[in-house]
Protein backbone atom coordinates (compact mmCIF):
# COMPACT_ATOMS: atom_id res chain seq x y z
CA MET A 1 33.87 -0.92 -5.90
CA PRO A 2 30.97 -2.44 -4.07
CA ILE A 3 27.88 -0.31 -2.25
CA TYR A 4 27.25 -1.08 1.60
CA GLU A 5 24.21 -0.50 3.20
CA TYR A 6 24.15 0.97 6.63
CA GLN A 7 21.62 1.97 9.43
CA CYS A 8 22.43 4.03 11.90
CA ASP A 9 21.38 2.52 15.88
CA ASP A 10 20.65 6.11 17.28
CA CYS A 11 18.77 7.89 14.88
CA GLY A 12 17.76 5.43 12.46
CA GLU A 13 19.07 6.42 9.23
CA ARG A 14 20.38 4.35 6.18
CA PHE A 15 22.92 5.15 4.10
CA GLU A 16 25.11 3.80 1.55
CA LEU A 17 28.85 3.70 1.27
CA PHE A 18 31.30 2.43 -1.56
CA VAL A 19 34.30 1.09 -0.59
CA ARG A 20 36.82 1.42 -2.92
CA SER A 21 39.51 -1.22 -1.74
CA SER A 22 39.17 -4.19 0.94
CA ALA A 23 41.78 -2.22 3.27
CA GLN A 24 39.42 0.60 3.69
CA ARG A 25 38.23 -0.45 7.56
CA ASP A 26 37.61 2.73 8.89
CA THR A 27 34.21 2.49 11.12
CA PRO A 28 31.45 4.74 8.93
CA THR A 29 29.89 7.53 10.64
CA CYS A 30 26.17 8.68 10.10
CA PRO A 31 25.46 11.26 7.70
CA LYS A 32 22.60 12.58 9.63
CA CYS A 33 23.68 11.98 13.82
CA ASP A 34 27.60 11.53 12.95
CA SER A 35 27.59 8.72 14.99
CA THR A 36 29.80 5.59 14.56
CA LYS A 37 27.03 3.01 15.87
CA VAL A 38 25.81 1.63 13.01
CA HIS A 39 25.46 -1.70 11.48
CA LYS A 40 25.13 -3.28 7.81
CA ALA A 41 21.83 -3.57 6.44
CA ILE A 42 20.75 -6.17 4.09
CA SER A 43 19.75 -5.09 1.33
CA LEU A 44 17.07 -6.42 -1.21
CA PHE A 45 17.47 -4.70 -4.51
CA GLY A 46 16.29 -6.97 -7.29
CA LEU A 47 12.70 -7.43 -5.16
CA GLY A 48 9.57 -5.91 -6.20
CA GLY A 49 9.04 -4.48 -9.38
CA SER A 50 6.30 -5.92 -12.07
CA SER A 51 6.85 -9.48 -11.08
CA SER A 52 4.41 -10.88 -8.40
CA SER A 53 5.52 -13.14 -5.76
CA SER A 54 3.04 -15.87 -7.07
CA GLY A 55 4.23 -16.81 -10.18
CA LEU A 56 7.75 -17.88 -9.39
CA GLY A 57 9.65 -20.65 -10.65
CA ALA A 58 6.78 -19.99 -12.83
CA SER A 59 8.57 -18.64 -16.78
CA SER A 60 6.44 -15.13 -18.13
CA CYS A 61 8.33 -16.20 -21.60
CA SER A 62 5.97 -19.20 -23.89
CA PRO A 63 8.29 -21.89 -25.51
CA GLY A 64 6.38 -21.25 -28.70
CA PHE A 65 4.59 -24.07 -29.15
CA THR A 66 1.63 -25.30 -27.41
């Protein structure tokens, strides 16, 4: 099941919504203010954590020989 992130245009609340099928086309409502003025937010999962941005493209594993 895909998880979509939304942001409310009225109060700014960010929330997630599980979508069970592509046939589910109901307009989501904000759980904080019940507004239907929401838009899909860009999900930034997997960005951050222990790796630094300066090491992009560089492997953290040694090939085992010098």
